[in-house]
Amino acid sequence: ETPRYIDSVKGRFTISQDNAKNTLYLQMNSLKPEDTARY
């Protein structure tokens, strides 16, 4: 559960995982136009 982030998203994005639900999450806040992409 050690996370890594690129500098441009630090403080805005959060990765988390719930193995009981077999789900990975990405919470994205304070989104910017430069975040536009296929994820």
PDB file of all heavy atoms in Angstrom:
ATOM      1  N   GLU A   1       0.811  -1.216   0.000  1.00  0.00           N
ATOM      2  CA  GLU A   1       0.000   0.000   0.000  1.00  0.00           C
ATOM      3  C   GLU A   1       0.845   1.268   0.000  1.00  0.00           C
ATOM      4  O   GLU A   1       0.426   2.302   0.539  1.00  0.00           O
ATOM      5  CB  GLU A   1      -0.985   0.003   1.168  1.00  0.00           C
ATOM      6  CG  GLU A   1      -1.962  -1.161   1.133  1.00  0.00           C
ATOM      7  CD  GLU A   1      -3.006  -1.095   2.214  1.00  0.00           C
ATOM      8  OE1 GLU A   1      -3.097  -0.068   2.914  1.00  0.00           O
ATOM      9  OE2 GLU A   1      -3.757  -2.077   2.371  1.00  0.00           O
ATOM     10  N   THR A   2       2.019   1.192  -0.607  1.00  0.00           N
ATOM     11  CA  THR A   2       2.869   2.366  -0.755  1.00  0.00           C
ATOM     12  C   THR A   2       2.551   3.045  -2.081  1.00  0.00           C
ATOM     13  O   THR A   2       2.782   2.462  -3.141  1.00  0.00           O
ATOM     14  CB  THR A   2       4.349   1.978  -0.714  1.00  0.00           C
ATOM     15  OG1 THR A   2       4.640   1.340   0.533  1.00  0.00           O
ATOM     16  CG2 THR A   2       5.228   3.209  -0.853  1.00  0.00           C
ATOM     17  N   PRO A   3       2.017   4.269  -2.052  1.00  0.00           N
ATOM     18  CA  PRO A   3       1.632   4.939  -3.294  1.00  0.00           C
ATOM     19  C   PRO A   3       2.752   5.768  -3.905  1.00  0.00           C
ATOM     20  O   PRO A   3       3.666   6.215  -3.209  1.00  0.00           O
ATOM     21  CB  PRO A   3       0.482   5.839  -2.846  1.00  0.00           C
ATOM     22  CG  PRO A   3       0.872   6.235  -1.454  1.00  0.00           C
ATOM     23  CD  PRO A   3       1.579   5.033  -0.865  1.00  0.00           C
ATOM     24  N   ARG A   4       2.658   5.969  -5.200  1.00  0.00           N
ATOM     25  CA  ARG A   4       3.527   6.877  -5.936  1.00  0.00           C
ATOM     26  C   ARG A   4       2.663   7.783  -6.797  1.00  0.00           C
ATOM     27  O   ARG A   4       1.640   7.355  -7.315  1.00  0.00           O
ATOM     28  CB  ARG A   4       4.490   6.116  -6.843  1.00  0.00           C
ATOM     29  CG  ARG A   4       5.593   5.347  -6.152  1.00  0.00           C
ATOM     30  CD  ARG A   4       6.413   4.629  -7.198  1.00  0.00           C
ATOM     31  NE  ARG A   4       7.663   4.099  -6.681  1.00  0.00           N
ATOM     32  CZ  ARG A   4       8.576   3.509  -7.424  1.00  0.00           C
ATOM     33  NH1 ARG A   4       8.383   3.371  -8.726  1.00  0.00           N
ATOM     34  NH2 ARG A   4       9.679   3.052  -6.876  1.00  0.00           N
ATOM     35  N   TYR A   5       3.107   9.043  -6.980  1.00  0.00           N
ATOM     36  CA  TYR A   5       2.407   9.988  -7.827  1.00  0.00           C
ATOM     37  C   TYR A   5       3.411  10.794  -8.630  1.00  0.00           C
ATOM     38  O   TYR A   5       4.493  11.124  -8.140  1.00  0.00           O
ATOM     39  CB  TYR A   5       1.570  10.965  -7.003  1.00  0.00           C
ATOM     40  CG  TYR A   5       0.506  10.337  -6.133  1.00  0.00           C
ATOM     41  CD1 TYR A   5       0.767  10.012  -4.808  1.00  0.00           C
ATOM     42  CD2 TYR A   5      -0.766  10.086  -6.634  1.00  0.00           C
ATOM     43  CE1 TYR A   5      -0.209   9.439  -4.005  1.00  0.00           C
ATOM     44  CE2 TYR A   5      -1.747   9.517  -5.842  1.00  0.00           C
ATOM     45  CZ  TYR A   5      -1.463   9.195  -4.526  1.00  0.00           C
ATOM     46  OH  TYR A   5      -2.436   8.634  -3.730  1.00  0.00           O
ATOM     47  N   ILE A   6       3.054  11.132  -9.853  1.00  0.00           N
ATOM     48  CA  ILE A   6       3.859  12.088 -10.593  1.00  0.00           C
ATOM     49  C   ILE A   6       3.600  13.471  -9.999  1.00  0.00           C
ATOM     50  O   ILE A   6       2.546  13.737  -9.416  1.00  0.00           O
ATOM     51  CB  ILE A   6       3.551  12.075 -12.101  1.00  0.00           C
ATOM     52  CG1 ILE A   6       2.062  12.323 -12.374  1.00  0.00           C
ATOM     53  CG2 ILE A   6       4.010  10.773 -12.716  1.00  0.00           C
ATOM     54  CD1 ILE A   6       1.738  12.489 -13.841  1.00  0.00           C
ATOM     55  N   ASP A   7       4.588  14.355 -10.155  1.00  0.00           N
ATOM     56  CA  ASP A   7       4.529  15.653  -9.504  1.00  0.00           C
ATOM     57  C   ASP A   7       3.286  16.458  -9.874  1.00  0.00           C
ATOM     58  O   ASP A   7       2.730  17.176  -9.036  1.00  0.00           O
ATOM     59  CB  ASP A   7       5.778  16.465  -9.835  1.00  0.00           C
ATOM     60  CG  ASP A   7       7.019  15.933  -9.158  1.00  0.00           C
ATOM     61  OD1 ASP A   7       6.890  15.176  -8.178  1.00  0.00           O
ATOM     62  OD2 ASP A   7       8.129  16.281  -9.597  1.00  0.00           O
ATOM     63  N   SER A   8       2.842  16.355 -11.105  1.00  0.00           N
ATOM     64  CA  SER A   8       1.747  17.186 -11.581  1.00  0.00           C
ATOM     65  C   SER A   8       0.398  16.874 -10.932  1.00  0.00           C
ATOM     66  O   SER A   8      -0.519  17.683 -11.008  1.00  0.00           O
ATOM     67  CB  SER A   8       1.615  17.086 -13.100  1.00  0.00           C
ATOM     68  OG  SER A   8       1.322  15.764 -13.502  1.00  0.00           O
ATOM     69  N   VAL A   9       0.272  15.708 -10.283  1.00  0.00           N
ATOM     70  CA  VAL A   9      -1.005  15.350  -9.664  1.00  0.00           C
ATOM     71  C   VAL A   9      -0.934  15.245  -8.148  1.00  0.00           C
ATOM     72  O   VAL A   9      -1.965  15.019  -7.503  1.00  0.00           O
ATOM     73  CB  VAL A   9      -1.572  14.038 -10.242  1.00  0.00           C
ATOM     74  CG1 VAL A   9      -1.637  14.102 -11.758  1.00  0.00           C
ATOM     75  CG2 VAL A   9      -0.766  12.835  -9.771  1.00  0.00           C
ATOM     76  N   LYS A  10       0.235  15.433  -7.572  1.00  0.00           N
ATOM     77  CA  LYS A  10       0.373  15.346  -6.122  1.00  0.00           C
ATOM     78  C   LYS A  10      -0.507  16.385  -5.433  1.00  0.00           C
ATOM     79  O   LYS A  10      -0.535  17.545  -5.816  1.00  0.00           O
ATOM     80  CB  LYS A  10       1.830  15.553  -5.709  1.00  0.00           C
ATOM     81  CG  LYS A  10       2.730  14.370  -6.011  1.00  0.00           C
ATOM     82  CD  LYS A  10       4.152  14.622  -5.534  1.00  0.00           C
ATOM     83  CE  LYS A  10       5.043  13.423  -5.809  1.00  0.00           C
ATOM     84  NZ  LYS A  10       6.446  13.671  -5.390  1.00  0.00           N
ATOM     85  N   GLY A  11      -1.220  15.932  -4.421  1.00  0.00           N
ATOM     86  CA  GLY A  11      -2.123  16.815  -3.702  1.00  0.00           C
ATOM     87  C   GLY A  11      -3.495  16.924  -4.318  1.00  0.00           C
ATOM     88  O   GLY A  11      -4.411  17.476  -3.685  1.00  0.00           O
ATOM     89  N   ARG A  12      -3.663  16.416  -5.541  1.00  0.00           N
ATOM     90  CA  ARG A  12      -4.948  16.479  -6.225  1.00  0.00           C
ATOM     91  C   ARG A  12      -5.560  15.095  -6.456  1.00  0.00           C
ATOM     92  O   ARG A  12      -6.783  14.949  -6.389  1.00  0.00           O
ATOM     93  CB  ARG A  12      -4.805  17.178  -7.577  1.00  0.00           C
ATOM     94  CG  ARG A  12      -4.302  18.616  -7.469  1.00  0.00           C
ATOM     95  CD  ARG A  12      -4.394  19.340  -8.810  1.00  0.00           C
ATOM     96  NE  ARG A  12      -3.570  18.701  -9.838  1.00  0.00           N
ATOM     97  CZ  ARG A  12      -4.050  18.201 -10.976  1.00  0.00           C
ATOM     98  NH1 ARG A  12      -5.360  18.267 -11.235  1.00  0.00           N
ATOM     99  NH2 ARG A  12      -3.231  17.662 -11.866  1.00  0.00           N
ATOM    100  N   PHE A  13      -4.729  14.104  -6.753  1.00  0.00           N
ATOM    101  CA  PHE A  13      -5.202  12.746  -7.036  1.00  0.00           C
ATOM    102  C   PHE A  13      -4.861  11.814  -5.882  1.00  0.00           C
ATOM    103  O   PHE A  13      -3.820  11.967  -5.224  1.00  0.00           O
ATOM    104  CB  PHE A  13      -4.537  12.191  -8.297  1.00  0.00           C
ATOM    105  CG  PHE A  13      -4.965  12.836  -9.590  1.00  0.00           C
ATOM    106  CD1 PHE A  13      -5.717  14.002  -9.611  1.00  0.00           C
ATOM    107  CD2 PHE A  13      -4.608  12.260 -10.798  1.00  0.00           C
ATOM    108  CE1 PHE A  13      -6.105  14.594 -10.802  1.00  0.00           C
ATOM    109  CE2 PHE A  13      -4.986  12.834 -11.996  1.00  0.00           C
ATOM    110  CZ  PHE A  13      -5.734  14.003 -11.998  1.00  0.00           C
ATOM    111  N   THR A  14      -5.711  10.821  -5.648  1.00  0.00           N
ATOM    112  CA  THR A  14      -5.472   9.818  -4.626  1.00  0.00           C
ATOM    113  C   THR A  14      -5.813   8.435  -5.161  1.00  0.00           C
ATOM    114  O   THR A  14      -6.923   8.218  -5.650  1.00  0.00           O
ATOM    115  CB  THR A  14      -6.305  10.082  -3.362  1.00  0.00           C
ATOM    116  OG1 THR A  14      -6.018  11.383  -2.851  1.00  0.00           O
ATOM    117  CG2 THR A  14      -5.975   9.048  -2.285  1.00  0.00           C
ATOM    118  N   ILE A  15      -4.865   7.507  -5.070  1.00  0.00           N
ATOM    119  CA  ILE A  15      -5.103   6.127  -5.477  1.00  0.00           C
ATOM    120  C   ILE A  15      -5.430   5.300  -4.238  1.00  0.00           C
ATOM    121  O   ILE A  15      -4.856   5.503  -3.170  1.00  0.00           O
ATOM    122  CB  ILE A  15      -3.882   5.541  -6.218  1.00  0.00           C
ATOM    123  CG1 ILE A  15      -4.203   4.159  -6.791  1.00  0.00           C
ATOM    124  CG2 ILE A  15      -2.650   5.486  -5.316  1.00  0.00           C
ATOM    125  CD1 ILE A  15      -3.115   3.606  -7.712  1.00  0.00           C
ATOM    126  N   SER A  16      -6.358   4.371  -4.376  1.00  0.00           N
ATOM    127  CA  SER A  16      -6.704   3.484  -3.278  1.00  0.00           C
ATOM    128  C   SER A  16      -7.206   2.164  -3.838  1.00  0.00           C
ATOM    129  O   SER A  16      -7.535   2.053  -5.018  1.00  0.00           O
ATOM    130  CB  SER A  16      -7.755   4.110  -2.352  1.00  0.00           C
ATOM    131  OG  SER A  16      -8.962   4.362  -3.049  1.00  0.00           O
ATOM    132  N   GLN A  17      -7.278   1.142  -2.976  1.00  0.00           N
ATOM    133  CA  GLN A  17      -7.681  -0.181  -3.420  1.00  0.00           C
ATOM    134  C   GLN A  17      -8.508  -0.862  -2.351  1.00  0.00           C
ATOM    135  O   GLN A  17      -8.201  -0.773  -1.156  1.00  0.00           O
ATOM    136  CB  GLN A  17      -6.441  -1.022  -3.745  1.00  0.00           C
ATOM    137  CG  GLN A  17      -6.726  -2.390  -4.335  1.00  0.00           C
ATOM    138  CD  GLN A  17      -5.451  -3.102  -4.760  1.00  0.00           C
ATOM    139  OE1 GLN A  17      -4.408  -2.920  -4.137  1.00  0.00           O
ATOM    140  NE2 GLN A  17      -5.535  -3.893  -5.815  1.00  0.00           N
ATOM    141  N   ASP A  18      -9.549  -1.554  -2.782  1.00  0.00           N
ATOM    142  CA  ASP A  18     -10.386  -2.347  -1.894  1.00  0.00           C
ATOM    143  C   ASP A  18     -10.390  -3.768  -2.444  1.00  0.00           C
ATOM    144  O   ASP A  18     -11.144  -4.088  -3.355  1.00  0.00           O
ATOM    145  CB  ASP A  18     -11.800  -1.783  -1.820  1.00  0.00           C
ATOM    146  CG  ASP A  18     -12.654  -2.464  -0.770  1.00  0.00           C
ATOM    147  OD1 ASP A  18     -12.319  -3.590  -0.352  1.00  0.00           O
ATOM    148  OD2 ASP A  18     -13.674  -1.872  -0.354  1.00  0.00           O
ATOM    149  N   ASN A  19      -9.547  -4.623  -1.888  1.00  0.00           N
ATOM    150  CA  ASN A  19      -9.429  -5.988  -2.383  1.00  0.00           C
ATOM    151  C   ASN A  19     -10.685  -6.812  -2.150  1.00  0.00           C
ATOM    152  O   ASN A  19     -10.972  -7.739  -2.909  1.00  0.00           O
ATOM    153  CB  ASN A  19      -8.225  -6.686  -1.749  1.00  0.00           C
ATOM    154  CG  ASN A  19      -6.916  -6.330  -2.407  1.00  0.00           C
ATOM    155  OD1 ASN A  19      -6.835  -6.225  -3.630  1.00  0.00           O
ATOM    156  ND2 ASN A  19      -5.866  -6.161  -1.608  1.00  0.00           N
ATOM    157  N   ALA A  20     -11.437  -6.487  -1.106  1.00  0.00           N
ATOM    158  CA  ALA A  20     -12.685  -7.193  -0.840  1.00  0.00           C
ATOM    159  C   ALA A  20     -13.693  -6.973  -1.958  1.00  0.00           C
ATOM    160  O   ALA A  20     -14.547  -7.821  -2.211  1.00  0.00           O
ATOM    161  CB  ALA A  20     -13.269  -6.758   0.498  1.00  0.00           C
ATOM    162  N   LYS A  21     -13.613  -5.825  -2.628  1.00  0.00           N
ATOM    163  CA  LYS A  21     -14.504  -5.501  -3.732  1.00  0.00           C
ATOM    164  C   LYS A  21     -13.836  -5.658  -5.091  1.00  0.00           C
ATOM    165  O   LYS A  21     -14.440  -5.354  -6.117  1.00  0.00           O
ATOM    166  CB  LYS A  21     -15.026  -4.070  -3.588  1.00  0.00           C
ATOM    167  CG  LYS A  21     -15.860  -3.836  -2.342  1.00  0.00           C
ATOM    168  CD  LYS A  21     -16.349  -2.399  -2.274  1.00  0.00           C
ATOM    169  CE  LYS A  21     -17.203  -2.170  -1.039  1.00  0.00           C
ATOM    170  NZ  LYS A  21     -17.665  -0.768  -0.940  1.00  0.00           N
ATOM    171  N   ASN A  22     -12.593  -6.111  -5.095  1.00  0.00           N
ATOM    172  CA  ASN A  22     -11.822  -6.260  -6.339  1.00  0.00           C
ATOM    173  C   ASN A  22     -11.839  -4.973  -7.157  1.00  0.00           C
ATOM    174  O   ASN A  22     -12.068  -4.984  -8.372  1.00  0.00           O
ATOM    175  CB  ASN A  22     -12.357  -7.418  -7.179  1.00  0.00           C
ATOM    176  CG  ASN A  22     -12.056  -8.769  -6.573  1.00  0.00           C
ATOM    177  OD1 ASN A  22     -11.256  -8.894  -5.648  1.00  0.00           O
ATOM    178  ND2 ASN A  22     -12.705  -9.797  -7.094  1.00  0.00           N
ATOM    179  N   THR A  23     -11.582  -3.847  -6.485  1.00  0.00           N
ATOM    180  CA  THR A  23     -11.692  -2.554  -7.144  1.00  0.00           C
ATOM    181  C   THR A  23     -10.523  -1.643  -6.793  1.00  0.00           C
ATOM    182  O   THR A  23     -10.140  -1.532  -5.622  1.00  0.00           O
ATOM    183  CB  THR A  23     -13.007  -1.856  -6.776  1.00  0.00           C
ATOM    184  OG1 THR A  23     -14.110  -2.717  -7.093  1.00  0.00           O
ATOM    185  CG2 THR A  23     -13.163  -0.559  -7.546  1.00  0.00           C
ATOM    186  N   LEU A  24      -9.992  -0.990  -7.800  1.00  0.00           N
ATOM    187  CA  LEU A  24      -8.986   0.047  -7.669  1.00  0.00           C
ATOM    188  C   LEU A  24      -9.658   1.385  -7.969  1.00  0.00           C
ATOM    189  O   LEU A  24     -10.480   1.478  -8.879  1.00  0.00           O
ATOM    190  CB  LEU A  24      -7.849  -0.204  -8.658  1.00  0.00           C
ATOM    191  CG  LEU A  24      -6.655   0.740  -8.639  1.00  0.00           C
ATOM    192  CD1 LEU A  24      -5.781   0.461  -7.415  1.00  0.00           C
ATOM    193  CD2 LEU A  24      -5.841   0.579  -9.919  1.00  0.00           C
ATOM    194  N   TYR A  25      -9.312   2.426  -7.226  1.00  0.00           N
ATOM    195  CA  TYR A  25      -9.937   3.736  -7.385  1.00  0.00           C
ATOM    196  C   TYR A  25      -8.908   4.817  -7.689  1.00  0.00           C
ATOM    197  O   TYR A  25      -7.745   4.729  -7.289  1.00  0.00           O
ATOM    198  CB  TYR A  25     -10.682   4.146  -6.113  1.00  0.00           C
ATOM    199  CG  TYR A  25     -11.774   3.203  -5.682  1.00  0.00           C
ATOM    200  CD1 TYR A  25     -11.548   2.247  -4.698  1.00  0.00           C
ATOM    201  CD2 TYR A  25     -13.039   3.274  -6.251  1.00  0.00           C
ATOM    202  CE1 TYR A  25     -12.547   1.391  -4.293  1.00  0.00           C
ATOM    203  CE2 TYR A  25     -14.046   2.414  -5.853  1.00  0.00           C
ATOM    204  CZ  TYR A  25     -13.797   1.476  -4.873  1.00  0.00           C
ATOM    205  OH  TYR A  25     -14.798   0.618  -4.469  1.00  0.00           O
ATOM    206  N   LEU A  26      -9.376   5.851  -8.366  1.00  0.00           N
ATOM    207  CA  LEU A  26      -8.596   7.066  -8.548  1.00  0.00           C
ATOM    208  C   LEU A  26      -9.512   8.252  -8.282  1.00  0.00           C
ATOM    209  O   LEU A  26     -10.404   8.539  -9.082  1.00  0.00           O
ATOM    210  CB  LEU A  26      -7.996   7.163  -9.953  1.00  0.00           C
ATOM    211  CG  LEU A  26      -7.153   8.411 -10.214  1.00  0.00           C
ATOM    212  CD1 LEU A  26      -5.931   8.440  -9.299  1.00  0.00           C
ATOM    213  CD2 LEU A  26      -6.716   8.484 -11.677  1.00  0.00           C
ATOM    214  N   GLN A  27      -9.295   8.925  -7.162  1.00  0.00           N
ATOM    215  CA  GLN A  27     -10.033  10.135  -6.833  1.00  0.00           C
ATOM    216  C   GLN A  27      -9.267  11.325  -7.393  1.00  0.00           C
ATOM    217  O   GLN A  27      -8.100  11.527  -7.054  1.00  0.00           O
ATOM    218  CB  GLN A  27     -10.196  10.263  -5.320  1.00  0.00           C
ATOM    219  CG  GLN A  27     -10.884  11.543  -4.870  1.00  0.00           C
ATOM    220  CD  GLN A  27     -12.322  11.623  -5.328  1.00  0.00           C
ATOM    221  OE1 GLN A  27     -13.072  10.668  -5.179  1.00  0.00           O
ATOM    222  NE2 GLN A  27     -12.710  12.761  -5.902  1.00  0.00           N
ATOM    223  N   MET A  28      -9.923  12.108  -8.229  1.00  0.00           N
ATOM    224  CA  MET A  28      -9.298  13.247  -8.885  1.00  0.00           C
ATOM    225  C   MET A  28     -10.022  14.522  -8.486  1.00  0.00           C
ATOM    226  O   MET A  28     -11.214  14.673  -8.754  1.00  0.00           O
ATOM    227  CB  MET A  28      -9.315  13.078 -10.403  1.00  0.00           C
ATOM    228  CG  MET A  28      -8.660  11.794 -10.889  1.00  0.00           C
ATOM    229  SD  MET A  28      -8.595  11.678 -12.699  1.00  0.00           S
ATOM    230  CE  MET A  28     -10.353  11.526 -13.058  1.00  0.00           C
ATOM    231  N   ASN A  29      -9.306  15.430  -7.848  1.00  0.00           N
ATOM    232  CA  ASN A  29      -9.848  16.717  -7.431  1.00  0.00           C
ATOM    233  C   ASN A  29      -9.103  17.847  -8.124  1.00  0.00           C
ATOM    234  O   ASN A  29      -8.005  17.662  -8.635  1.00  0.00           O
ATOM    235  CB  ASN A  29      -9.732  16.884  -5.913  1.00  0.00           C
ATOM    236  CG  ASN A  29     -10.515  15.858  -5.132  1.00  0.00           C
ATOM    237  OD1 ASN A  29     -11.597  15.447  -5.540  1.00  0.00           O
ATOM    238  ND2 ASN A  29      -9.979  15.450  -3.982  1.00  0.00           N
ATOM    239  N   SER A  30      -9.699  19.024  -8.113  1.00  0.00           N
ATOM    240  CA  SER A  30      -9.081  20.217  -8.707  1.00  0.00           C
ATOM    241  C   SER A  30      -8.579  19.940 -10.116  1.00  0.00           C
ATOM    242  O   SER A  30      -7.445  20.275 -10.474  1.00  0.00           O
ATOM    243  CB  SER A  30      -7.938  20.718  -7.813  1.00  0.00           C
ATOM    244  OG  SER A  30      -8.400  21.026  -6.512  1.00  0.00           O
ATOM    245  N   LEU A  31      -9.420  19.342 -10.920  1.00  0.00           N
ATOM    246  CA  LEU A  31      -9.027  18.944 -12.266  1.00  0.00           C
ATOM    247  C   LEU A  31      -8.693  20.143 -13.137  1.00  0.00           C
ATOM    248  O   LEU A  31      -9.295  21.213 -13.011  1.00  0.00           O
ATOM    249  CB  LEU A  31     -10.124  18.113 -12.911  1.00  0.00           C
ATOM    250  CG  LEU A  31     -10.199  16.665 -12.411  1.00  0.00           C
ATOM    251  CD1 LEU A  31     -11.538  16.040 -12.749  1.00  0.00           C
ATOM    252  CD2 LEU A  31      -9.062  15.846 -13.023  1.00  0.00           C
ATOM    253  N   LYS A  32      -7.723  19.943 -14.021  1.00  0.00           N
ATOM    254  CA  LYS A  32      -7.239  20.959 -14.936  1.00  0.00           C
ATOM    255  C   LYS A  32      -7.399  20.474 -16.371  1.00  0.00           C
ATOM    256  O   LYS A  32      -7.426  19.269 -16.621  1.00  0.00           O
ATOM    257  CB  LYS A  32      -5.759  21.253 -14.666  1.00  0.00           C
ATOM    258  CG  LYS A  32      -5.444  21.658 -13.235  1.00  0.00           C
ATOM    259  CD  LYS A  32      -3.943  21.804 -13.042  1.00  0.00           C
ATOM    260  CE  LYS A  32      -3.611  22.197 -11.614  1.00  0.00           C
ATOM    261  NZ  LYS A  32      -2.135  22.320 -11.424  1.00  0.00           N
ATOM    262  N   PRO A  33      -7.478  21.394 -17.339  1.00  0.00           N
ATOM    263  CA  PRO A  33      -7.577  20.967 -18.740  1.00  0.00           C
ATOM    264  C   PRO A  33      -6.455  20.021 -19.167  1.00  0.00           C
ATOM    265  O   PRO A  33      -6.695  19.127 -19.987  1.00  0.00           O
ATOM    266  CB  PRO A  33      -7.516  22.293 -19.503  1.00  0.00           C
ATOM    267  CG  PRO A  33      -8.110  23.274 -18.565  1.00  0.00           C
ATOM    268  CD  PRO A  33      -7.626  22.847 -17.201  1.00  0.00           C
ATOM    269  N   GLU A  34      -5.267  20.186 -18.623  1.00  0.00           N
ATOM    270  CA  GLU A  34      -4.158  19.326 -18.977  1.00  0.00           C
ATOM    271  C   GLU A  34      -4.305  17.901 -18.449  1.00  0.00           C
ATOM    272  O   GLU A  34      -3.512  17.021 -18.801  1.00  0.00           O
ATOM    273  CB  GLU A  34      -2.816  19.920 -18.513  1.00  0.00           C
ATOM    274  CG  GLU A  34      -2.811  20.369 -17.068  1.00  0.00           C
ATOM    275  CD  GLU A  34      -3.070  21.858 -16.913  1.00  0.00           C
ATOM    276  OE1 GLU A  34      -4.010  22.365 -17.558  1.00  0.00           O
ATOM    277  OE2 GLU A  34      -2.327  22.513 -16.153  1.00  0.00           O
ATOM    278  N   ASP A  35      -5.307  17.649 -17.609  1.00  0.00           N
ATOM    279  CA  ASP A  35      -5.611  16.297 -17.164  1.00  0.00           C
ATOM    280  C   ASP A  35      -6.443  15.534 -18.182  1.00  0.00           C
ATOM    281  O   ASP A  35      -6.674  14.329 -18.012  1.00  0.00           O
ATOM    282  CB  ASP A  35      -6.361  16.320 -15.829  1.00  0.00           C
ATOM    283  CG  ASP A  35      -5.525  16.873 -14.689  1.00  0.00           C
ATOM    284  OD1 ASP A  35      -4.336  16.523 -14.598  1.00  0.00           O
ATOM    285  OD2 ASP A  35      -6.079  17.655 -13.878  1.00  0.00           O
ATOM    286  N   THR A  36      -6.912  16.206 -19.216  1.00  0.00           N
ATOM    287  CA  THR A  36      -7.727  15.570 -20.243  1.00  0.00           C
ATOM    288  C   THR A  36      -6.947  14.457 -20.936  1.00  0.00           C
ATOM    289  O   THR A  36      -5.865  14.682 -21.469  1.00  0.00           O
ATOM    290  CB  THR A  36      -8.191  16.603 -21.274  1.00  0.00           C
ATOM    291  OG1 THR A  36      -9.055  17.547 -20.640  1.00  0.00           O
ATOM    292  CG2 THR A  36      -8.945  15.934 -22.414  1.00  0.00           C
ATOM    293  N   ALA A  37      -7.502  13.252 -20.915  1.00  0.00           N
ATOM    294  CA  ALA A  37      -6.849  12.085 -21.500  1.00  0.00           C
ATOM    295  C   ALA A  37      -7.756  10.874 -21.322  1.00  0.00           C
ATOM    296  O   ALA A  37      -8.772  10.936 -20.626  1.00  0.00           O
ATOM    297  CB  ALA A  37      -5.502  11.815 -20.831  1.00  0.00           C
ATOM    298  N   ARG A  38      -7.380   9.776 -21.956  1.00  0.00           N
ATOM    299  CA  ARG A  38      -8.021   8.506 -21.679  1.00  0.00           C
ATOM    300  C   ARG A  38      -7.227   7.846 -20.558  1.00  0.00           C
ATOM    301  O   ARG A  38      -6.003   7.740 -20.642  1.00  0.00           O
ATOM    302  CB  ARG A  38      -8.052   7.612 -22.913  1.00  0.00           C
ATOM    303  CG  ARG A  38      -8.927   6.376 -22.747  1.00  0.00           C
ATOM    304  CD  ARG A  38      -9.217   5.697 -24.074  1.00  0.00           C
ATOM    305  NE  ARG A  38     -10.125   4.583 -23.920  1.00  0.00           N
ATOM    306  CZ  ARG A  38     -11.445   4.690 -23.905  1.00  0.00           C
ATOM    307  NH1 ARG A  38     -12.026   5.882 -24.061  1.00  0.00           N
ATOM    308  NH2 ARG A  38     -12.207   3.613 -23.752  1.00  0.00           N
ATOM    309  N   TYR A  39      -7.914   7.416 -19.523  1.00  0.00           N
ATOM    310  CA  TYR A  39      -7.272   6.858 -18.343  1.00  0.00           C
ATOM    311  C   TYR A  39      -7.419   5.339 -18.314  1.00  0.00           C
ATOM    312  O   TYR A  39      -8.508   4.804 -18.530  1.00  0.00           O
ATOM    313  CB  TYR A  39      -7.870   7.458 -17.073  1.00  0.00           C
ATOM    314  CG  TYR A  39      -7.375   8.851 -16.777  1.00  0.00           C
ATOM    315  CD1 TYR A  39      -7.780   9.929 -17.564  1.00  0.00           C
ATOM    316  CD2 TYR A  39      -6.493   9.089 -15.727  1.00  0.00           C
ATOM    317  CE1 TYR A  39      -7.312  11.205 -17.315  1.00  0.00           C
ATOM    318  CE2 TYR A  39      -6.026  10.370 -15.465  1.00  0.00           C
ATOM    319  CZ  TYR A  39      -6.436  11.420 -16.259  1.00  0.00           C
ATOM    320  OH  TYR A  39      -5.971  12.689 -16.002  1.00  0.00           O
TER     321      TYR A  39
END
